[in-house]
C-alpha atoms as a PDB file:
ATOM      1  CA  MET A   1       0.000   0.000   0.000  1.00  0.00           C
ATOM      2  CA  PRO A   2       1.460   3.397  -0.971  1.00  0.00           C
ATOM      3  CA  THR A   3       2.527   5.822   1.729  1.00  0.00           C
ATOM      4  CA  TYR A   4      -0.137   8.377   2.565  1.00  0.00           C
ATOM      5  CA  CYS A   5       0.056  11.543   0.489  1.00  0.00           C
ATOM      6  CA  GLY A   6      -2.326  14.473   0.804  1.00  0.00           C
ATOM      7  CA  ARG A   7      -2.460  17.860  -0.854  1.00  0.00           C
ATOM      8  CA  PHE A   8      -3.735  21.330  -0.156  1.00  0.00           C
ATOM      9  CA  ALA A   9      -4.337  23.270  -3.348  1.00  0.00           C
ATOM     10  CA  PRO A  10      -5.408  26.901  -2.969  1.00  0.00           C
ATOM     11  CA  SER A  11      -6.188  29.191  -5.892  1.00  0.00           C
ATOM     12  CA  PRO A  12      -4.317  32.528  -5.720  1.00  0.00           C
ATOM     13  CA  THR A  13      -7.374  34.644  -6.438  1.00  0.00           C
ATOM     14  CA  GLY A  14      -7.549  36.315  -3.021  1.00  0.00           C
ATOM     15  CA  ASP A  15      -6.473  35.920   0.587  1.00  0.00           C
ATOM     16  CA  LEU A  16      -7.455  32.685   2.338  1.00  0.00           C
ATOM     17  CA  HIS A  17     -10.656  32.906   4.367  1.00  0.00           C
ATOM     18  CA  LEU A  18     -11.542  30.953   7.483  1.00  0.00           C
ATOM     19  CA  GLY A  19     -13.177  28.163   5.495  1.00  0.00           C
ATOM     20  CA  SER A  20      -9.948  27.584   3.574  1.00  0.00           C
ATOM     21  CA  ALA A  21      -8.008  27.703   6.846  1.00  0.00           C
ATOM     22  CA  ALA A  22     -10.245  25.019   8.365  1.00  0.00           C
ATOM     23  CA  THR A  23      -9.824  22.775   5.315  1.00  0.00           C
ATOM     24  CA  ALA A  24      -6.062  23.329   5.334  1.00  0.00           C
ATOM     25  CA  LEU A  25      -5.938  22.375   9.011  1.00  0.00           C
ATOM     26  CA  VAL A  26      -7.883  19.136   8.468  1.00  0.00           C
ATOM     27  CA  THR A  27      -5.773  18.271   5.402  1.00  0.00           C
ATOM     28  CA  TRP A  28      -2.573  18.845   7.369  1.00  0.00           C
ATOM     29  CA  LEU A  29      -3.791  16.836  10.358  1.00  0.00           C
ATOM     30  CA  ALA A  30      -4.824  13.907   8.164  1.00  0.00           C
ATOM     31  CA  ALA A  31      -1.383  13.752   6.567  1.00  0.00           C
ATOM     32  CA  ARG A  32       0.576  14.188   9.787  1.00  0.00           C
ATOM     33  CA  ALA A  33      -1.556  11.716  11.765  1.00  0.00           C
ATOM     34  CA  ALA A  34      -0.978   9.138   9.011  1.00  0.00           C
ATOM     35  CA  GLY A  35       2.765   9.752   9.070  1.00  0.00           C
ATOM     36  CA  GLY A  36       2.585  10.696   5.389  1.00  0.00           C
ATOM     37  CA  ARG A  37       3.584  13.600   3.237  1.00  0.00           C
ATOM     38  CA  LEU A  38       1.719  16.745   2.274  1.00  0.00           C
ATOM     39  CA  ILE A  39       1.951  18.643  -1.004  1.00  0.00           C
ATOM     40  CA  LEU A  40       1.150  22.333  -1.425  1.00  0.00           C
ATOM     41  CA  ARG A  41      -0.030  22.887  -4.990  1.00  0.00           C
ATOM     42  CA  VAL A  42      -1.010  26.250  -6.446  1.00  0.00           C
ATOM     43  CA  GLU A  43      -4.078  25.977  -8.696  1.00  0.00           C
ATOM     44  CA  ASP A  44      -3.526  29.007 -10.905  1.00  0.00           C
ATOM     45  CA  ILE A  45      -4.698  27.713 -14.283  1.00  0.00           C
ATOM     46  CA  ASP A  46      -7.426  30.363 -14.566  1.00  0.00           C
ATOM     47  CA  THR A  47      -4.854  33.090 -15.099  1.00  0.00           C
ATOM     48  CA  PRO A  48      -7.317  35.976 -15.657  1.00  0.00           C
ATOM     49  CA  ARG A  49      -8.506  35.532 -12.045  1.00  0.00           C
ATOM     50  CA  VAL A  50      -5.067  35.289 -10.441  1.00  0.00           C
ATOM     51  CA  VAL A  51      -4.213  38.239  -8.177  1.00  0.00           C
ATOM     52  CA  ARG A  52      -0.538  39.177  -8.145  1.00  0.00           C
ATOM     53  CA  GLY A  53       1.137  38.640  -4.781  1.00  0.00           C
ATOM     54  CA  THR A  54      -1.647  36.403  -3.453  1.00  0.00           C
ATOM     55  CA  GLU A  55       0.331  33.158  -3.625  1.00  0.00           C
ATOM     56  CA  ALA A  56       3.072  34.512  -1.373  1.00  0.00           C
ATOM     57  CA  ARG A  57       0.517  35.865   1.111  1.00  0.00           C
ATOM     58  CA  GLN A  58      -1.359  32.567   1.210  1.00  0.00           C
ATOM     59  CA  LEU A  59       1.774  30.556   1.931  1.00  0.00           C
ATOM     60  CA  ASP A  60       2.834  33.077   4.573  1.00  0.00           C
ATOM     61  CA  ASP A  61      -0.589  32.932   6.250  1.00  0.00           C
ATOM     62  CA  LEU A  62      -0.560  29.116   6.303  1.00  0.00           C
ATOM     63  CA  ARG A  63       2.850  29.087   7.953  1.00  0.00           C
ATOM     64  CA  TRP A  64       1.670  31.695  10.444  1.00  0.00           C
ATOM     65  CA  LEU A  65      -1.163  29.302  11.310  1.00  0.00           C
ATOM     66  CA  GLY A  66       1.436  26.629  12.134  1.00  0.00           C
ATOM     67  CA  LEU A  67       1.153  24.470   9.014  1.00  0.00           C
ATOM     68  CA  ASP A  68       3.959  23.173   6.816  1.00  0.00           C
ATOM     69  CA  TRP A  69       4.316  20.939   3.763  1.00  0.00           C
ATOM     70  CA  ASP A  70       6.858  18.518   2.358  1.00  0.00           C
ATOM     71  CA  GLU A  71       6.634  19.598  -1.282  1.00  0.00           C
ATOM     72  CA  GLY A  72       5.567  22.853  -2.857  1.00  0.00           C
ATOM     73  CA  PRO A  73       6.552  25.826  -5.011  1.00  0.00           C
ATOM     74  CA  ASP A  74       8.699  27.319  -2.263  1.00  0.00           C
ATOM     75  CA  VAL A  75      10.402  24.124  -1.021  1.00  0.00           C
ATOM     76  CA  GLY A  76      10.632  22.064  -4.208  1.00  0.00           C
ATOM     77  CA  GLY A  77      10.289  18.308  -4.367  1.00  0.00           C
ATOM     78  CA  PRO A  78      10.279  15.367  -6.782  1.00  0.00           C
ATOM     79  CA  HIS A  79       6.835  16.045  -8.260  1.00  0.00           C
ATOM     80  CA  GLY A  80       7.226  19.628  -9.428  1.00  0.00           C
ATOM     81  CA  PRO A  81       6.468  22.031 -10.811  1.00  0.00           C
ATOM     82  CA  TYR A  82       3.885  22.867  -8.164  1.00  0.00           C
ATOM     83  CA  ARG A  83       2.034  25.623  -9.998  1.00  0.00           C
ATOM     84  CA  GLN A  84      -0.586  24.427 -12.453  1.00  0.00           C
ATOM     85  CA  SER A  85       0.306  27.258 -14.824  1.00  0.00           C
ATOM     86  CA  GLU A  86       3.651  25.459 -15.296  1.00  0.00           C
ATOM     87  CA  ARG A  87       2.157  22.009 -15.944  1.00  0.00           C
ATOM     88  CA  SER A  88       0.427  22.493 -19.310  1.00  0.00           C
ATOM     89  CA  ASP A  89       2.534  19.788 -20.961  1.00  0.00           C
ATOM     90  CA  ARG A  90       1.019  17.212 -18.573  1.00  0.00           C
ATOM     91  CA  TYR A  91      -2.490  18.325 -19.431  1.00  0.00           C
ATOM     92  CA  GLU A  92      -1.705  18.275 -23.159  1.00  0.00           C
ATOM     93  CA  ALA A  93      -0.490  14.691 -22.871  1.00  0.00           C
ATOM     94  CA  ALA A  94      -3.592  13.610 -20.962  1.00  0.00           C
ATOM     95  CA  LEU A  95      -5.892  15.287 -23.480  1.00  0.00           C
ATOM     96  CA  ALA A  96      -4.006  13.636 -26.347  1.00  0.00           C
ATOM     97  CA  ARG A  97      -4.517  10.225 -24.736  1.00  0.00           C
ATOM     98  CA  LEU A  98      -8.245  10.794 -24.354  1.00  0.00           C
ATOM     99  CA  GLU A  99      -8.434  11.994 -27.961  1.00  0.00           C
ATOM    100  CA  ARG A 100      -6.626   8.868 -29.210  1.00  0.00           C
ATOM    101  CA  ASP A 101      -9.175   6.786 -27.315  1.00  0.00           C
ATOM    102  CA  GLY A 102     -12.032   8.615 -29.051  1.00  0.00           C
ATOM    103  CA  LEU A 103     -13.275  10.149 -25.805  1.00  0.00           C
ATOM    104  CA  THR A 104     -13.285  13.841 -26.716  1.00  0.00           C
ATOM    105  CA  PHE A 105     -15.071  16.191 -29.076  1.00  0.00           C
ATOM    106  CA  ARG A 106     -15.201  19.910 -29.858  1.00  0.00           C
ATOM    107  CA  CYS A 107     -18.099  22.073 -28.752  1.00  0.00           C
ATOM    108  CA  ASP A 108     -18.814  25.761 -29.367  1.00  0.00           C
ATOM    109  CA  CYS A 109     -22.004  26.009 -27.297  1.00  0.00           C
ATOM    110  CA  SER A 110     -22.141  28.933 -24.883  1.00  0.00           C
ATOM    111  CA  ARG A 111     -23.464  28.610 -21.337  1.00  0.00           C
ATOM    112  CA  ARG A 112     -26.502  30.606 -22.379  1.00  0.00           C
ATOM    113  CA  GLU A 113     -27.236  28.336 -25.319  1.00  0.00           C
ATOM    114  CA  ILE A 114     -27.004  25.252 -23.122  1.00  0.00           C
ATOM    115  CA  ALA A 115     -29.275  26.826 -20.494  1.00  0.00           C
ATOM    116  CA  GLU A 116     -31.835  27.701 -23.143  1.00  0.00           C
ATOM    117  CA  VAL A 117     -32.281  24.096 -24.215  1.00  0.00           C
ATOM    118  CA  ALA A 118     -35.708  23.360 -22.790  1.00  0.00           C
ATOM    119  CA  SER A 119     -34.969  19.755 -21.874  1.00  0.00           C
ATOM    120  CA  ALA A 120     -31.723  20.456 -20.040  1.00  0.00           C
ATOM    121  CA  PRO A 121     -32.037  19.599 -16.315  1.00  0.00           C
ATOM    122  CA  HIS A 122     -29.783  21.380 -13.843  1.00  0.00           C
ATOM    123  CA  GLY A 123     -26.939  19.646 -12.025  1.00  0.00           C
ATOM    124  CA  ASP A 124     -24.383  20.919  -9.546  1.00  0.00           C
ATOM    125  CA  ASP A 125     -22.508  22.976 -12.151  1.00  0.00           C
ATOM    126  CA  GLY A 126     -25.537  24.349 -13.950  1.00  0.00           C
ATOM    127  CA  PRO A 127     -27.641  22.835 -16.719  1.00  0.00           C
ATOM    128  CA  ARG A 128     -26.768  19.390 -17.995  1.00  0.00           C
ATOM    129  CA  TYR A 129     -24.971  19.502 -21.325  1.00  0.00           C
ATOM    130  CA  PRO A 130     -27.548  18.180 -23.837  1.00  0.00           C
ATOM    131  CA  GLY A 131     -25.050  16.717 -26.298  1.00  0.00           C
ATOM    132  CA  THR A 132     -25.561  19.367 -28.971  1.00  0.00           C
ATOM    133  CA  CYS A 133     -22.094  19.006 -30.530  1.00  0.00           C
ATOM    134  CA  ARG A 134     -21.417  15.395 -29.659  1.00  0.00           C
ATOM    135  CA  PRO A 135     -20.528  13.423 -32.806  1.00  0.00           C
ATOM    136  CA  GLY A 136     -23.365  11.361 -34.224  1.00  0.00           C
ATOM    137  CA  PRO A 137     -25.317  10.593 -37.395  1.00  0.00           C
ATOM    138  CA  SER A 138     -26.947  14.045 -37.367  1.00  0.00           C
ATOM    139  CA  GLN A 139     -23.648  15.918 -37.055  1.00  0.00           C
ATOM    140  CA  PRO A 140     -21.887  17.081 -40.223  1.00  0.00           C
ATOM    141  CA  SER A 141     -18.344  15.772 -40.743  1.00  0.00           C
ATOM    142  CA  ARG A 142     -17.159  19.358 -41.112  1.00  0.00           C
ATOM    143  CA  ARG A 143     -18.624  22.460 -39.601  1.00  0.00           C
ATOM    144  CA  THR A 144     -17.920  26.125 -39.059  1.00  0.00           C
ATOM    145  CA  TRP A 145     -17.467  27.129 -35.433  1.00  0.00           C
ATOM    146  CA  LYS A 146     -19.379  30.120 -34.092  1.00  0.00           C
ATOM    147  CA  ARG A 147     -16.564  30.715 -31.592  1.00  0.00           C
ATOM    148  CA  PRO A 148     -13.355  28.928 -30.569  1.00  0.00           C
ATOM    149  CA  PRO A 149     -14.570  25.516 -29.420  1.00  0.00           C
ATOM    150  CA  ALA A 150     -14.007  23.915 -26.050  1.00  0.00           C
ATOM    151  CA  VAL A 151     -12.967  20.280 -25.720  1.00  0.00           C
ATOM    152  CA  ARG A 152     -15.431  18.049 -23.877  1.00  0.00           C
ATOM    153  CA  LEU A 153     -15.160  14.523 -22.529  1.00  0.00           C
ATOM    154  CA  ALA A 154     -17.610  12.115 -24.169  1.00  0.00           C
ATOM    155  CA  VAL A 155     -18.825  10.703 -20.866  1.00  0.00           C
ATOM    156  CA  PRO A 156     -19.711   7.001 -21.034  1.00  0.00           C
ATOM    157  CA  PRO A 157     -22.962   5.896 -19.404  1.00  0.00           C
ATOM    158  CA  GLY A 158     -22.979   4.067 -16.125  1.00  0.00           C
ATOM    159  CA  GLU A 159     -22.822   4.690 -12.422  1.00  0.00           C
ATOM    160  CA  VAL A 160     -19.638   5.807 -10.675  1.00  0.00           C
ATOM    161  CA  ALA A 161     -19.463   5.176  -6.931  1.00  0.00           C
ATOM    162  CA  VAL A 162     -17.330   7.065  -4.428  1.00  0.00           C
ATOM    163  CA  ASP A 163     -17.016   5.862  -0.851  1.00  0.00           C
ATOM    164  CA  ASP A 164     -16.199   9.133   0.847  1.00  0.00           C
ATOM    165  CA  ALA A 165     -14.476   8.757   4.208  1.00  0.00           C
ATOM    166  CA  LEU A 166     -16.571  11.524   5.802  1.00  0.00           C
ATOM    167  CA  GLN A 167     -19.772  11.890   3.779  1.00  0.00           C
ATOM    168  CA  GLY A 168     -20.521   8.268   2.977  1.00  0.00           C
ATOM    169  CA  ARG A 169     -21.230   6.612  -0.342  1.00  0.00           C
ATOM    170  CA  LEU A 170     -22.083   8.704  -3.392  1.00  0.00           C
ATOM    171  CA  ALA A 171     -23.204   6.916  -6.545  1.00  0.00           C
ATOM    172  CA  GLN A 172     -23.723   9.025  -9.629  1.00  0.00           C
ATOM    173  CA  ASP A 173     -24.409   8.446 -13.303  1.00  0.00           C
ATOM    174  CA  VAL A 174     -22.102  11.198 -14.537  1.00  0.00           C
ATOM    175  CA  ALA A 175     -23.554  11.170 -18.053  1.00  0.00           C
ATOM    176  CA  ALA A 176     -27.103  11.566 -16.773  1.00  0.00           C
ATOM    177  CA  ARG A 177     -26.221  14.097 -14.055  1.00  0.00           C
ATOM    178  CA  GLY A 178     -24.071  16.656 -15.842  1.00  0.00           C
ATOM    179  CA  GLY A 179     -23.379  15.227 -19.266  1.00  0.00           C
ATOM    180  CA  ASP A 180     -20.190  15.669 -21.248  1.00  0.00           C
ATOM    181  CA  PHE A 181     -18.001  18.048 -19.254  1.00  0.00           C
ATOM    182  CA  VAL A 182     -15.321  20.485 -20.413  1.00  0.00           C
ATOM    183  CA  LEU A 183     -11.642  19.522 -20.361  1.00  0.00           C
ATOM    184  CA  ARG A 184     -10.298  22.681 -21.981  1.00  0.00           C
ATOM    185  CA  ARG A 185     -12.209  25.903 -22.492  1.00  0.00           C
ATOM    186  CA  GLY A 186     -12.511  27.650 -25.816  1.00  0.00           C
ATOM    187  CA  ASP A 187     -10.049  30.313 -24.677  1.00  0.00           C
ATOM    188  CA  GLY A 188      -7.436  27.622 -24.047  1.00  0.00           C
ATOM    189  CA  VAL A 189      -7.718  27.561 -20.245  1.00  0.00           C
ATOM    190  CA  TRP A 190      -7.540  24.058 -18.795  1.00  0.00           C
ATOM    191  CA  ALA A 191     -10.608  22.935 -16.898  1.00  0.00           C
ATOM    192  CA  TYR A 192     -10.373  22.270 -13.175  1.00  0.00           C
ATOM    193  CA  GLN A 193     -11.588  18.689 -13.577  1.00  0.00           C
ATOM    194  CA  LEU A 194      -8.781  17.656 -15.912  1.00  0.00           C
ATOM    195  CA  ALA A 195      -5.988  19.559 -14.159  1.00  0.00           C
ATOM    196  CA  VAL A 196      -6.640  18.226 -10.662  1.00  0.00           C
ATOM    197  CA  VAL A 197      -6.997  14.631 -11.848  1.00  0.00           C
ATOM    198  CA  VAL A 198      -3.773  14.746 -13.855  1.00  0.00           C
ATOM    199  CA  ASP A 199      -1.886  16.381 -10.994  1.00  0.00           C
ATOM    200  CA  ASP A 200      -3.209  14.060  -8.281  1.00  0.00           C
ATOM    201  CA  LEU A 201      -2.203  11.020 -10.341  1.00  0.00           C
ATOM    202  CA  ALA A 202       1.223  12.405 -11.226  1.00  0.00           C
ATOM    203  CA  MET A 203       2.000  13.485  -7.662  1.00  0.00           C
ATOM    204  CA  GLY A 204       0.941  10.200  -6.075  1.00  0.00           C
ATOM    205  CA  VAL A 205      -1.866  11.703  -3.985  1.00  0.00           C
ATOM    206  CA  THR A 206      -3.585   8.903  -2.069  1.00  0.00           C
ATOM    207  CA  GLU A 207      -6.328  10.924  -0.356  1.00  0.00           C
ATOM    208  CA  VAL A 208      -7.991  14.198  -1.296  1.00  0.00           C
ATOM    209  CA  VAL A 209      -9.254  16.140   1.711  1.00  0.00           C
ATOM    210  CA  ARG A 210     -11.350  19.175   0.776  1.00  0.00           C
ATOM    211  CA  GLY A 211     -14.644  20.925   1.459  1.00  0.00           C
ATOM    212  CA  ALA A 212     -17.979  19.159   1.079  1.00  0.00           C
ATOM    213  CA  ASP A 213     -19.044  21.676  -1.568  1.00  0.00           C
ATOM    214  CA  LEU A 214     -16.817  19.735  -3.999  1.00  0.00           C
ATOM    215  CA  LEU A 215     -18.305  16.324  -3.220  1.00  0.00           C
ATOM    216  CA  ALA A 216     -20.351  16.230  -6.422  1.00  0.00           C
ATOM    217  CA  SER A 217     -17.141  16.580  -8.461  1.00  0.00           C
ATOM    218  CA  ALA A 218     -15.678  13.370  -7.070  1.00  0.00           C
ATOM    219  CA  PRO A 219     -17.468  10.922  -9.427  1.00  0.00           C
ATOM    220  CA  ARG A 220     -16.321  12.908 -12.472  1.00  0.00           C
ATOM    221  CA  GLN A 221     -12.752  12.879 -11.208  1.00  0.00           C
ATOM    222  CA  VAL A 222     -12.839   9.171 -10.390  1.00  0.00           C
ATOM    223  CA  LEU A 223     -14.177   8.468 -13.888  1.00  0.00           C
ATOM    224  CA  LEU A 224     -11.549  10.639 -15.545  1.00  0.00           C
ATOM    225  CA  ALA A 225      -8.708   9.092 -13.535  1.00  0.00           C
ATOM    226  CA  ARG A 226      -9.794   5.629 -14.651  1.00  0.00           C
ATOM    227  CA  LEU A 227     -10.097   6.700 -18.288  1.00  0.00           C
ATOM    228  CA  LEU A 228      -6.509   7.961 -18.038  1.00  0.00           C
ATOM    229  CA  GLY A 229      -5.402   4.559 -16.781  1.00  0.00           C
ATOM    230  CA  GLY A 230      -4.798   5.642 -13.184  1.00  0.00           C
ATOM    231  CA  THR A 231      -6.035   4.670  -9.744  1.00  0.00           C
ATOM    232  CA  PRO A 232      -8.074   7.523  -8.270  1.00  0.00           C
ATOM    233  CA  PRO A 233      -7.277   8.710  -4.752  1.00  0.00           C
ATOM    234  CA  ARG A 234      -9.607   8.229  -1.827  1.00  0.00           C
ATOM    235  CA  PHE A 235     -11.794  11.181  -0.888  1.00  0.00           C
ATOM    236  CA  ALA A 236     -12.661  12.783   2.439  1.00  0.00           C
ATOM    237  CA  HIS A 237     -14.942  15.809   2.140  1.00  0.00           C
ATOM    238  CA  ALA A 238     -14.780  17.837   5.328  1.00  0.00           C
ATOM    239  CA  PRO A 239     -17.743  19.967   6.447  1.00  0.00           C
ATOM    240  CA  LEU A 240     -18.092  23.187   4.489  1.00  0.00           C
ATOM    241  CA  VAL A 241     -17.518  26.215   6.698  1.00  0.00           C
ATOM    242  CA  VAL A 242     -20.210  28.848   6.255  1.00  0.00           C
ATOM    243  CA  ALA A 243     -20.807  32.294   7.727  1.00  0.00           C
ATOM    244  CA  PRO A 244     -22.672  32.671  11.029  1.00  0.00           C
ATOM    245  CA  ASP A 245     -25.890  33.364   9.086  1.00  0.00           C
ATOM    246  CA  GLY A 246     -25.454  30.192   7.024  1.00  0.00           C
ATOM    247  CA  THR A 247     -24.374  31.861   3.794  1.00  0.00           C
ATOM    248  CA  ARG A 248     -21.338  30.716   1.877  1.00  0.00           C
ATOM    249  CA  LEU A 249     -18.023  32.391   2.626  1.00  0.00           C
ATOM    250  CA  ALA A 250     -16.150  34.296  -0.049  1.00  0.00           C
ATOM    251  CA  LYS A 251     -12.645  35.720  -0.111  1.00  0.00           C
ATOM    252  CA  ARG A 252     -14.130  39.194  -0.395  1.00  0.00           C
ATOM    253  CA  ASP A 253     -16.163  38.888   2.834  1.00  0.00           C
ATOM    254  CA  ALA A 254     -14.904  41.416   5.354  1.00  0.00           C
ATOM    255  CA  GLY A 255     -13.403  40.072   8.562  1.00  0.00           C
ATOM    256  CA  THR A 256     -13.076  36.454   7.427  1.00  0.00           C
ATOM    257  CA  THR A 257      -9.595  36.264   5.880  1.00  0.00           C
ATOM    258  CA  LEU A 258      -6.470  35.165   7.700  1.00  0.00           C
ATOM    259  CA  ARG A 259      -4.701  38.310   6.567  1.00  0.00           C
ATOM    260  CA  GLU A 260      -7.327  40.576   8.117  1.00  0.00           C
ATOM    261  CA  LEU A 261      -7.347  38.657  11.373  1.00  0.00           C
ATOM    262  CA  ARG A 262      -3.563  38.727  11.581  1.00  0.00           C
ATOM    263  CA  LEU A 263      -3.427  42.469  10.994  1.00  0.00           C
ATOM    264  CA  ALA A 264      -6.108  42.977  13.653  1.00  0.00           C
ATOM    265  CA  GLY A 265      -3.977  41.186  16.234  1.00  0.00           C
ATOM    266  CA  THR A 266      -5.432  37.679  16.278  1.00  0.00           C
ATOM    267  CA  ARG A 267      -2.950  35.092  17.506  1.00  0.00           C
ATOM    268  CA  ALA A 268      -2.561  31.864  15.580  1.00  0.00           C
ATOM    269  CA  PRO A 269      -3.087  29.461  18.543  1.00  0.00           C
ATOM    270  CA  ALA A 270      -6.358  31.218  19.401  1.00  0.00           C
ATOM    271  CA  LEU A 271      -7.573  30.842  15.828  1.00  0.00           C
ATOM    272  CA  VAL A 272      -6.500  27.194  15.579  1.00  0.00           C
ATOM    273  CA  GLY A 273      -8.277  26.420  18.847  1.00  0.00           C
ATOM    274  CA  ALA A 274     -11.467  28.097  17.649  1.00  0.00           C
ATOM    275  CA  LEU A 275     -11.392  26.262  14.307  1.00  0.00           C
ATOM    276  CA  ALA A 276     -10.710  22.896  15.972  1.00  0.00           C
ATOM    277  CA  CYS A 277     -13.615  23.391  18.370  1.00  0.00           C
ATOM    278  CA  MET A 278     -15.952  24.459  15.567  1.00  0.00           C
ATOM    279  CA  LEU A 279     -15.042  21.304  13.616  1.00  0.00           C
ATOM    280  CA  GLY A 280     -15.626  19.085  16.642  1.00  0.00           C
ATOM    281  CA  LEU A 281     -11.972  18.139  17.060  1.00  0.00           C
ATOM    282  CA  ARG A 282     -11.748  19.650  20.562  1.00  0.00           C
ATOM    283  CA  PRO A 283     -14.310  20.260  23.298  1.00  0.00           C
ATOM    284  CA  SER A 284     -13.309  23.896  23.850  1.00  0.00           C
ATOM    285  CA  PRO A 285     -11.836  26.759  21.797  1.00  0.00           C
ATOM    286  CA  ALA A 286      -8.775  27.080  24.035  1.00  0.00           C
ATOM    287  CA  PRO A 287      -5.633  28.170  22.143  1.00  0.00           C
ATOM    288  CA  VAL A 288      -3.651  25.296  20.694  1.00  0.00           C
ATOM    289  CA  LEU A 289      -0.928  24.663  18.117  1.00  0.00           C
ATOM    290  CA  PRO A 290      -1.666  22.395  15.136  1.00  0.00           C
ATOM    291  CA  ARG A 291       1.084  19.979  16.159  1.00  0.00           C
ATOM    292  CA  ASP A 292      -0.650  19.440  19.495  1.00  0.00           C
ATOM    293  CA  LEU A 293      -3.785  18.213  17.699  1.00  0.00           C
ATOM    294  CA  VAL A 294      -2.079  15.421  15.753  1.00  0.00           C
ATOM    295  CA  GLY A 295      -2.066  12.788  18.496  1.00  0.00           C
ATOM    296  CA  ASP A 296      -5.809  13.024  19.166  1.00  0.00           C
ATOM    297  CA  PHE A 297      -6.920  13.596  15.563  1.00  0.00           C
ATOM    298  CA  THR A 298      -9.819  11.326  14.652  1.00  0.00           C
ATOM    299  CA  PRO A 299     -11.460  11.894  11.243  1.00  0.00           C
ATOM    300  CA  ALA A 300     -14.619  10.200  12.536  1.00  0.00           C
ATOM    301  CA  ARG A 301     -15.429  13.349  14.509  1.00  0.00           C
ATOM    302  CA  LEU A 302     -15.966  15.128  11.181  1.00  0.00           C
ATOM    303  CA  ALA A 303     -18.096  12.405   9.605  1.00  0.00           C
ATOM    304  CA  GLY A 304     -21.667  12.969   8.504  1.00  0.00           C
ATOM    305  CA  ARG A 305     -21.682  16.756   8.691  1.00  0.00           C
ATOM    306  CA  ALA A 306     -21.919  18.686   5.452  1.00  0.00           C
ATOM    307  CA  ARG A 307     -21.705  22.168   7.018  1.00  0.00           C
ATOM    308  CA  VAL A 308     -20.483  23.951  10.113  1.00  0.00           C
ATOM    309  CA  ARG A 309     -21.152  27.591  11.004  1.00  0.00           C
ATOM    310  CA  LEU A 310     -18.525  30.043  12.098  1.00  0.00           C
ATOM    311  CA  PRO A 311     -19.135  31.366  15.616  1.00  0.00           C
ATOM    312  CA  PRO A 312     -20.003  35.078  15.327  1.00  0.00           C
ATOM    313  CA  ASP A 313     -17.093  36.107  17.542  1.00  0.00           C
ATOM    314  CA  LEU A 314     -14.601  34.278  15.329  1.00  0.00           C
ATOM    315  CA  VAL A 315     -15.303  36.620  12.426  1.00  0.00           C
ATOM    316  CA  GLN A 316     -14.332  39.584  14.613  1.00  0.00           C
ATOM    317  CA  ALA A 317     -10.648  39.973  15.269  1.00  0.00           C
ATOM    318  CA  ARG A 318      -9.567  38.956  18.769  1.00  0.00           C
ATOM    319  CA  PRO A 319      -6.313  39.824  20.521  1.00  0.00           C
END
């Protein structure tokens, strides 16, 4: 059995908020409790959304929190590069393999056009792709594109099951749920689904720990990993951290980023203690260092909960 390997993969589109901090903490604890390694990977493929200087701030904030990693853009390692913007050759090779296997096709449908198809049900990522451009008897052998086409995966029918360590079993017919999904956008940007699967396989990730809001993506990623000839990692979707009023957190929400809390005087042990208590890892929010949580870390305490709310006082900076 391969040695445990986890990964934390932030997108440098803004400072890390408390939800990201909680996920990073659980990811780190899972790797350290298993005696494995942890990779820090920067998911910056959507370059128009990348904010200059954010990567450095994110890594600095994570270290301030008391977390470290064994491989990453700042420490190197055998599985680099660790920025997705520098890994396009891997994605090209994966796409070429899928194309050789007859599993891709071009599509120039816009989101609006897909949404306007009357029979298109809605899945987790919007309306199900209705197969408009998928090759078939009614499709011309040559056509003129309205706009630069995206590349989609021709999703085979059948159920894909994921036994999530925290949320239980999820069985999904990917073709029926969301249809043929995008691998590369029309503007050339690599899709999240392809990039993370290729990287997790190449880096030897054995378990993906992330927020429960991404649970519905797991069957697609398991399917894609298998189509690429790999063994998909296990999944553990931790509870999604939401605001005190139950709404979803965003990096732009005032008073919820690590950077803001640091500048306001919050101390890292106090924040770690509050996050651990909120997640059910400790009975009280007393200050604590991440390394002091490793010995008592039990993933079962996180199981079965899809969401946890931030305590109102945690959003306000505390000395």
